Amino acid sequence: MKKQINGKKYSTQAAQKIGYGLSDKDELECMYVKRNGAAFTIGKANNITPLTEEQALIWARRNRLIVQYVAAVDYAINDKKQVSIYLTEHAQANLRKLCNLWNTSQSETVEKILQDSTERAEETERIKEQLLKELELKYGFKPEK
C-alpha cells in the first residue's frame, strides 16, 4: 500500500515490516520503518498513521517489538548508499519471495544474499587451495595459474 501524507510518501512495499501489535485504542496494527528511519503503522482499515520517534518507541515497547524496531531504525540510519540494479521479472519475484520468507526489506535481503555468497566463495577458494597443496605434496602436481 502506498500513500502520501503531508507531502511525505509511505509505502508498505518499500518499508521494513516490524510486526503486528495493538494501538492505544486496542486495534490491530502493523508497524513499518521507512528507509530514513521514520516509522508508521497501518490499521485494518488500511489507514496509515505516521509516528514520531517517541510514539514509535512507545508502540514498539507496548507490543514487545522494541528490539526489532531499534534494529530497523539502526539499519535505516547507518551509512548506506543507494544503488540501482536491473532485474528480470523472475529475479524480482524471487527477491520478493525471499523478503517475505525472511521478513526483511529488499536491501536487507540483497545484503544477506551477497554476504552468504561471499562467504561461500571464500570457503570454496580455501578448499580449492587446500586441495591443490595436497595434489602438489602427494603427486608433485603444480597447475599453472
N, C-alpha and C. Protein backbone atom coordinates (compact mmCIF):
# COMPACT_ATOMS: atom_id res chain seq x y z
N MET A 1 0.84 -1.17 0.00
CA MET A 1 0.00 0.00 0.00
C MET A 1 0.89 1.24 0.00
N LYS A 2 0.49 2.22 -0.79
CA LYS A 2 1.22 3.48 -0.88
C LYS A 2 0.27 4.63 -0.58
N LYS A 3 0.82 5.64 0.12
CA LYS A 3 0.00 6.80 0.44
C LYS A 3 0.93 7.99 0.69
N GLN A 4 0.43 9.17 0.39
CA GLN A 4 1.20 10.38 0.66
C GLN A 4 0.44 11.19 1.71
N ILE A 5 1.15 11.55 2.78
CA ILE A 5 0.55 12.31 3.88
C ILE A 5 1.44 13.50 4.17
N ASN A 6 0.87 14.68 4.11
CA ASN A 6 1.62 15.92 4.35
C ASN A 6 2.90 16.00 3.51
N GLY A 7 2.80 15.57 2.26
CA GLY A 7 3.94 15.63 1.35
C GLY A 7 4.97 14.53 1.53
N LYS A 8 4.75 13.62 2.47
CA LYS A 8 5.69 12.52 2.71
C LYS A 8 5.08 11.22 2.21
N LYS A 9 5.92 10.40 1.55
CA LYS A 9 5.45 9.15 0.98
C LYS A 9 5.60 8.01 1.97
N TYR A 10 4.58 7.16 2.01
CA TYR A 10 4.59 5.97 2.86
C TYR A 10 4.23 4.78 1.98
N SER A 11 5.04 3.73 2.04
CA SER A 11 4.80 2.54 1.24
C SER A 11 5.16 1.31 2.06
N THR A 12 4.20 0.40 2.16
CA THR A 12 4.48 -0.83 2.90
C THR A 12 5.44 -1.72 2.12
N GLN A 13 5.50 -1.57 0.79
CA GLN A 13 6.43 -2.37 0.00
C GLN A 13 7.87 -1.89 0.17
N ALA A 14 8.07 -0.59 0.35
CA ALA A 14 9.42 -0.04 0.45
C ALA A 14 9.94 -0.02 1.88
N ALA A 15 9.06 -0.15 2.86
CA ALA A 15 9.46 -0.09 4.26
C ALA A 15 9.66 -1.49 4.83
N GLN A 16 10.36 -1.55 5.96
CA GLN A 16 10.58 -2.83 6.64
C GLN A 16 9.45 -3.07 7.63
N LYS A 17 8.84 -4.24 7.54
CA LYS A 17 7.78 -4.60 8.47
C LYS A 17 8.42 -4.99 9.80
N ILE A 18 7.93 -4.35 10.89
CA ILE A 18 8.43 -4.64 12.22
C ILE A 18 7.60 -5.74 12.87
N GLY A 19 6.29 -5.63 12.75
CA GLY A 19 5.42 -6.65 13.32
C GLY A 19 4.06 -6.10 13.66
N TYR A 20 3.21 -6.99 14.14
CA TYR A 20 1.83 -6.64 14.48
C TYR A 20 1.70 -6.38 15.97
N GLY A 21 0.80 -5.48 16.29
CA GLY A 21 0.54 -5.16 17.69
C GLY A 21 -0.77 -4.40 17.81
N LEU A 22 -1.04 -3.95 19.01
CA LEU A 22 -2.28 -3.21 19.28
C LEU A 22 -2.00 -1.73 19.44
N SER A 23 -2.90 -0.94 18.88
CA SER A 23 -2.81 0.51 19.04
C SER A 23 -3.23 0.87 20.46
N ASP A 24 -3.14 2.15 20.80
CA ASP A 24 -3.58 2.57 22.13
C ASP A 24 -5.10 2.47 22.26
N LYS A 25 -5.79 2.21 21.14
CA LYS A 25 -7.25 2.00 21.15
C LYS A 25 -7.58 0.51 21.03
N ASP A 26 -6.57 -0.35 21.25
CA ASP A 26 -6.71 -1.81 21.18
C ASP A 26 -7.15 -2.31 19.81
N GLU A 27 -6.70 -1.62 18.76
CA GLU A 27 -6.97 -2.07 17.39
C GLU A 27 -5.70 -2.66 16.82
N LEU A 28 -5.84 -3.75 16.04
CA LEU A 28 -4.69 -4.41 15.45
C LEU A 28 -4.04 -3.52 14.39
N GLU A 29 -2.72 -3.38 14.48
CA GLU A 29 -1.94 -2.57 13.54
C GLU A 29 -0.66 -3.32 13.20
N CYS A 30 -0.04 -2.85 12.14
CA CYS A 30 1.28 -3.35 11.78
C CYS A 30 2.22 -2.16 11.67
N MET A 31 3.38 -2.26 12.30
CA MET A 31 4.35 -1.17 12.26
C MET A 31 5.38 -1.41 11.16
N TYR A 32 5.75 -0.32 10.48
CA TYR A 32 6.78 -0.34 9.45
C TYR A 32 7.79 0.77 9.73
N VAL A 33 9.03 0.55 9.25
CA VAL A 33 10.06 1.58 9.34
C VAL A 33 10.55 1.87 7.92
N LYS A 34 10.51 3.16 7.56
CA LYS A 34 10.95 3.59 6.23
C LYS A 34 12.48 3.57 6.16
N ARG A 35 13.00 3.72 4.95
CA ARG A 35 14.46 3.72 4.73
C ARG A 35 15.17 4.82 5.50
N ASN A 36 14.45 5.91 5.79
CA ASN A 36 15.07 7.01 6.52
C ASN A 36 14.91 6.87 8.03
N GLY A 37 14.33 5.76 8.48
CA GLY A 37 14.16 5.52 9.91
C GLY A 37 12.82 5.96 10.47
N ALA A 38 12.00 6.65 9.67
CA ALA A 38 10.69 7.09 10.13
C ALA A 38 9.75 5.89 10.22
N ALA A 39 8.92 5.88 11.25
CA ALA A 39 8.01 4.75 11.48
C ALA A 39 6.57 5.16 11.20
N PHE A 40 5.77 4.16 10.84
CA PHE A 40 4.34 4.37 10.67
C PHE A 40 3.63 3.05 10.93
N THR A 41 2.33 3.17 11.20
CA THR A 41 1.52 1.98 11.38
C THR A 41 0.42 1.99 10.34
N ILE A 42 -0.09 0.80 10.07
CA ILE A 42 -1.24 0.67 9.18
C ILE A 42 -2.25 -0.22 9.89
N GLY A 43 -3.49 0.26 9.94
CA GLY A 43 -4.54 -0.46 10.63
C GLY A 43 -5.36 -1.32 9.70
N LYS A 44 -6.36 -1.99 10.27
CA LYS A 44 -7.17 -2.91 9.47
C LYS A 44 -7.99 -2.19 8.40
N ALA A 45 -8.24 -0.92 8.57
CA ALA A 45 -8.97 -0.14 7.56
C ALA A 45 -8.01 0.48 6.55
N ASN A 46 -6.77 -0.02 6.52
CA ASN A 46 -5.72 0.48 5.63
C ASN A 46 -5.40 1.96 5.85
N ASN A 47 -5.60 2.42 7.08
CA ASN A 47 -5.24 3.79 7.41
C ASN A 47 -3.80 3.84 7.89
N ILE A 48 -3.00 4.67 7.23
CA ILE A 48 -1.59 4.82 7.60
C ILE A 48 -1.47 5.96 8.59
N THR A 49 -0.76 5.69 9.68
CA THR A 49 -0.54 6.70 10.71
C THR A 49 0.96 6.90 10.91
N PRO A 50 1.49 8.07 10.49
CA PRO A 50 2.90 8.35 10.75
C PRO A 50 3.12 8.48 12.26
N LEU A 51 4.28 8.04 12.73
CA LEU A 51 4.60 8.10 14.16
C LEU A 51 5.83 8.97 14.38
N THR A 52 5.82 9.72 15.46
CA THR A 52 7.04 10.40 15.87
C THR A 52 7.97 9.34 16.44
N GLU A 53 9.21 9.71 16.68
CA GLU A 53 10.14 8.74 17.26
C GLU A 53 9.64 8.28 18.63
N GLU A 54 9.13 9.21 19.42
CA GLU A 54 8.62 8.85 20.75
C GLU A 54 7.41 7.94 20.65
N GLN A 55 6.48 8.25 19.74
CA GLN A 55 5.31 7.39 19.56
C GLN A 55 5.72 5.99 19.10
N ALA A 56 6.69 5.93 18.21
CA ALA A 56 7.15 4.63 17.70
C ALA A 56 7.78 3.80 18.83
N LEU A 57 8.59 4.45 19.66
CA LEU A 57 9.20 3.74 20.79
C LEU A 57 8.13 3.21 21.75
N ILE A 58 7.15 4.02 22.05
CA ILE A 58 6.07 3.60 22.94
C ILE A 58 5.30 2.44 22.33
N TRP A 59 4.95 2.54 21.04
CA TRP A 59 4.22 1.48 20.35
C TRP A 59 5.03 0.18 20.37
N ALA A 60 6.31 0.27 20.05
CA ALA A 60 7.16 -0.92 20.00
C ALA A 60 7.33 -1.55 21.38
N ARG A 61 7.50 -0.72 22.41
CA ARG A 61 7.62 -1.25 23.79
C ARG A 61 6.32 -1.95 24.20
N ARG A 62 5.20 -1.28 23.96
CA ARG A 62 3.90 -1.82 24.36
C ARG A 62 3.63 -3.17 23.70
N ASN A 63 4.12 -3.33 22.47
CA ASN A 63 3.85 -4.55 21.71
C ASN A 63 5.03 -5.52 21.70
N ARG A 64 6.01 -5.26 22.58
CA ARG A 64 7.18 -6.13 22.74
C ARG A 64 7.93 -6.35 21.43
N LEU A 65 8.07 -5.25 20.68
CA LEU A 65 8.79 -5.28 19.41
C LEU A 65 9.92 -4.25 19.42
N ILE A 66 10.38 -3.89 20.61
CA ILE A 66 11.38 -2.85 20.73
C ILE A 66 12.70 -3.25 20.07
N VAL A 67 13.11 -4.49 20.23
CA VAL A 67 14.37 -4.94 19.64
C VAL A 67 14.30 -4.85 18.12
N GLN A 68 13.20 -5.31 17.54
CA GLN A 68 13.03 -5.26 16.09
C GLN A 68 12.99 -3.81 15.59
N TYR A 69 12.29 -2.95 16.33
CA TYR A 69 12.18 -1.54 15.93
C TYR A 69 13.55 -0.86 15.98
N VAL A 70 14.27 -1.02 17.07
CA VAL A 70 15.58 -0.37 17.21
C VAL A 70 16.54 -0.90 16.15
N ALA A 71 16.51 -2.18 15.88
CA ALA A 71 17.39 -2.76 14.85
C ALA A 71 17.06 -2.17 13.48
N ALA A 72 15.78 -2.02 13.17
CA ALA A 72 15.38 -1.48 11.87
C ALA A 72 15.78 -0.02 11.72
N VAL A 73 15.61 0.75 12.78
CA VAL A 73 16.00 2.17 12.72
C VAL A 73 17.51 2.28 12.60
N ASP A 74 18.23 1.47 13.36
CA ASP A 74 19.69 1.48 13.28
C ASP A 74 20.16 1.14 11.87
N TYR A 75 19.54 0.14 11.29
CA TYR A 75 19.88 -0.26 9.92
C TYR A 75 19.57 0.88 8.94
N ALA A 76 18.41 1.52 9.13
CA ALA A 76 17.98 2.56 8.21
C ALA A 76 18.89 3.79 8.25
N ILE A 77 19.40 4.13 9.43
CA ILE A 77 20.18 5.37 9.52
C ILE A 77 21.68 5.16 9.38
N ASN A 78 22.12 3.89 9.26
CA ASN A 78 23.54 3.66 9.01
C ASN A 78 23.92 4.22 7.65
N ASP A 79 25.19 4.38 7.44
CA ASP A 79 25.69 4.97 6.20
C ASP A 79 25.48 4.00 5.04
N LYS A 80 24.35 4.09 4.41
CA LYS A 80 24.03 3.23 3.27
C LYS A 80 24.01 4.09 2.01
N LYS A 81 24.44 3.52 0.92
CA LYS A 81 24.43 4.20 -0.37
C LYS A 81 23.41 3.52 -1.26
N GLN A 82 22.61 4.31 -1.94
CA GLN A 82 21.61 3.76 -2.84
C GLN A 82 22.25 3.42 -4.18
N VAL A 83 21.93 2.24 -4.69
CA VAL A 83 22.40 1.81 -6.00
C VAL A 83 21.19 1.34 -6.79
N SER A 84 21.33 1.38 -8.10
CA SER A 84 20.26 0.88 -8.97
C SER A 84 20.73 -0.36 -9.67
N ILE A 85 19.87 -1.36 -9.72
CA ILE A 85 20.17 -2.58 -10.47
C ILE A 85 18.95 -2.93 -11.30
N TYR A 86 19.17 -3.66 -12.35
CA TYR A 86 18.08 -4.13 -13.20
C TYR A 86 17.93 -5.63 -13.01
N LEU A 87 16.70 -6.06 -12.73
CA LEU A 87 16.42 -7.47 -12.52
C LEU A 87 15.31 -7.92 -13.46
N THR A 88 15.40 -9.16 -13.92
CA THR A 88 14.30 -9.72 -14.70
C THR A 88 13.08 -9.86 -13.79
N GLU A 89 11.93 -10.05 -14.39
CA GLU A 89 10.71 -10.24 -13.60
C GLU A 89 10.83 -11.47 -12.71
N HIS A 90 11.47 -12.51 -13.24
CA HIS A 90 11.67 -13.74 -12.47
C HIS A 90 12.55 -13.47 -11.24
N ALA A 91 13.64 -12.73 -11.43
CA ALA A 91 14.53 -12.41 -10.32
C ALA A 91 13.81 -11.52 -9.30
N GLN A 92 13.01 -10.58 -9.77
CA GLN A 92 12.24 -9.72 -8.87
C GLN A 92 11.26 -10.54 -8.04
N ALA A 93 10.61 -11.51 -8.69
CA ALA A 93 9.67 -12.37 -7.97
C ALA A 93 10.40 -13.19 -6.91
N ASN A 94 11.58 -13.72 -7.25
CA ASN A 94 12.37 -14.47 -6.27
C ASN A 94 12.80 -13.59 -5.11
N LEU A 95 13.19 -12.35 -5.40
CA LEU A 95 13.59 -11.42 -4.34
C LEU A 95 12.41 -11.16 -3.41
N ARG A 96 11.23 -10.93 -3.97
CA ARG A 96 10.04 -10.70 -3.13
C ARG A 96 9.74 -11.92 -2.26
N LYS A 97 9.89 -13.13 -2.84
CA LYS A 97 9.65 -14.36 -2.07
C LYS A 97 10.59 -14.43 -0.87
N LEU A 98 11.88 -14.16 -1.12
CA LEU A 98 12.85 -14.20 -0.03
C LEU A 98 12.55 -13.14 1.03
N CYS A 99 12.16 -11.95 0.58
CA CYS A 99 11.80 -10.88 1.53
C CYS A 99 10.66 -11.34 2.44
N ASN A 100 9.67 -11.97 1.84
CA ASN A 100 8.53 -12.46 2.63
C ASN A 100 8.94 -13.60 3.56
N LEU A 101 9.75 -14.52 3.06
CA LEU A 101 10.19 -15.64 3.89
C LEU A 101 11.03 -15.18 5.08
N TRP A 102 11.94 -14.25 4.82
CA TRP A 102 12.85 -13.80 5.86
C TRP A 102 12.32 -12.59 6.62
N ASN A 103 11.17 -12.05 6.18
CA ASN A 103 10.61 -10.85 6.79
C ASN A 103 11.63 -9.71 6.81
N THR A 104 12.25 -9.48 5.64
CA THR A 104 13.27 -8.44 5.51
C THR A 104 12.93 -7.53 4.34
N SER A 105 13.55 -6.37 4.33
CA SER A 105 13.40 -5.46 3.20
C SER A 105 14.22 -5.99 2.02
N GLN A 106 14.01 -5.42 0.85
CA GLN A 106 14.79 -5.85 -0.31
C GLN A 106 16.28 -5.57 -0.09
N SER A 107 16.60 -4.44 0.50
CA SER A 107 18.02 -4.12 0.75
C SER A 107 18.64 -5.14 1.70
N GLU A 108 17.94 -5.45 2.78
CA GLU A 108 18.47 -6.43 3.73
C GLU A 108 18.63 -7.80 3.09
N THR A 109 17.67 -8.17 2.24
CA THR A 109 17.72 -9.46 1.58
C THR A 109 18.91 -9.55 0.63
N VAL A 110 19.11 -8.50 -0.17
CA VAL A 110 20.25 -8.49 -1.10
C VAL A 110 21.56 -8.52 -0.33
N GLU A 111 21.65 -7.76 0.76
CA GLU A 111 22.87 -7.77 1.57
C GLU A 111 23.13 -9.16 2.14
N LYS A 112 22.07 -9.82 2.61
CA LYS A 112 22.23 -11.18 3.16
C LYS A 112 22.69 -12.14 2.07
N ILE A 113 22.09 -12.06 0.90
CA ILE A 113 22.49 -12.93 -0.22
C ILE A 113 23.95 -12.69 -0.58
N LEU A 114 24.34 -11.41 -0.66
CA LEU A 114 25.73 -11.09 -1.01
C LEU A 114 26.70 -11.58 0.06
N GLN A 115 26.34 -11.41 1.32
CA GLN A 115 27.19 -11.86 2.42
C GLN A 115 27.36 -13.38 2.38
N ASP A 116 26.23 -14.09 2.24
CA ASP A 116 26.27 -15.56 2.18
C ASP A 116 27.08 -16.04 0.97
N SER A 117 26.86 -15.40 -0.18
CA SER A 117 27.58 -15.80 -1.40
C SER A 117 29.07 -15.55 -1.27
N THR A 118 29.44 -14.43 -0.67
CA THR A 118 30.85 -14.10 -0.48
C THR A 118 31.50 -15.12 0.45
N GLU A 119 30.83 -15.45 1.54
CA GLU A 119 31.37 -16.44 2.47
C GLU A 119 31.54 -17.80 1.79
N ARG A 120 30.56 -18.21 0.98
CA ARG A 120 30.66 -19.48 0.26
C ARG A 120 31.81 -19.46 -0.74
N ALA A 121 31.94 -18.35 -1.47
CA ALA A 121 33.02 -18.24 -2.46
C ALA A 121 34.38 -18.28 -1.78
N GLU A 122 34.52 -17.61 -0.64
CA GLU A 122 35.78 -17.63 0.10
C GLU A 122 36.09 -19.03 0.61
N GLU A 123 35.08 -19.73 1.11
CA GLU A 123 35.26 -21.10 1.59
C GLU A 123 35.65 -22.02 0.43
N THR A 124 35.02 -21.84 -0.71
CA THR A 124 35.36 -22.63 -1.90
C THR A 124 36.81 -22.39 -2.30
N GLU A 125 37.26 -21.15 -2.26
CA GLU A 125 38.65 -20.82 -2.59
C GLU A 125 39.62 -21.48 -1.61
N ARG A 126 39.27 -21.46 -0.31
CA ARG A 126 40.12 -22.11 0.70
C ARG A 126 40.23 -23.60 0.44
N ILE A 127 39.12 -24.24 0.14
CA ILE A 127 39.12 -25.68 -0.15
C ILE A 127 39.93 -25.95 -1.40
N LYS A 128 39.76 -25.16 -2.42
CA LYS A 128 40.50 -25.33 -3.68
C LYS A 128 42.00 -25.22 -3.43
N GLU A 129 42.41 -24.21 -2.68
CA GLU A 129 43.84 -24.04 -2.37
C GLU A 129 44.37 -25.22 -1.58
N GLN A 130 43.59 -25.71 -0.64
CA GLN A 130 44.00 -26.85 0.17
C GLN A 130 44.16 -28.10 -0.70
N LEU A 131 43.21 -28.33 -1.61
CA LEU A 131 43.29 -29.48 -2.50
C LEU A 131 44.50 -29.39 -3.43
N LEU A 132 44.76 -28.19 -3.93
CA LEU A 132 45.92 -28.01 -4.80
C LEU A 132 47.23 -28.28 -4.05
N LYS A 133 47.31 -27.87 -2.80
CA LYS A 133 48.50 -28.14 -1.99
C LYS A 133 48.66 -29.64 -1.77
N GLU A 134 47.55 -30.32 -1.49
CA GLU A 134 47.60 -31.76 -1.30
C GLU A 134 48.04 -32.48 -2.57
N LEU A 135 47.55 -32.04 -3.73
CA LEU A 135 47.95 -32.62 -5.01
C LEU A 135 49.44 -32.43 -5.24
N GLU A 136 49.93 -31.24 -4.92
CA GLU A 136 51.35 -30.94 -5.12
C GLU A 136 52.21 -31.80 -4.20
N LEU A 137 51.81 -31.92 -2.93
CA LEU A 137 52.59 -32.72 -1.99
C LEU A 137 52.56 -34.21 -2.33
N LYS A 138 51.40 -34.70 -2.69
CA LYS A 138 51.24 -36.14 -2.92
C LYS A 138 51.78 -36.58 -4.28
N TYR A 139 51.53 -35.76 -5.33
CA TYR A 139 51.87 -36.18 -6.69
C TYR A 139 52.87 -35.27 -7.39
N GLY A 140 53.29 -34.20 -6.72
CA GLY A 140 54.19 -33.26 -7.36
C GLY A 140 53.52 -32.44 -8.45
N PHE A 141 52.19 -32.47 -8.47
CA PHE A 141 51.42 -31.75 -9.48
C PHE A 141 51.26 -30.30 -9.08
N LYS A 142 51.67 -29.38 -9.95
CA LYS A 142 51.52 -27.97 -9.67
C LYS A 142 50.90 -27.31 -10.91
N PRO A 143 49.60 -27.02 -10.85
CA PRO A 143 48.93 -26.44 -12.02
C PRO A 143 49.38 -24.99 -12.24
N GLU A 144 49.29 -24.57 -13.50
CA GLU A 144 49.62 -23.17 -13.83
C GLU A 144 48.47 -22.30 -13.37
N LYS A 145 48.83 -21.10 -12.96
CA LYS A 145 47.80 -20.17 -12.50
C LYS A 145 47.44 -19.18 -13.56
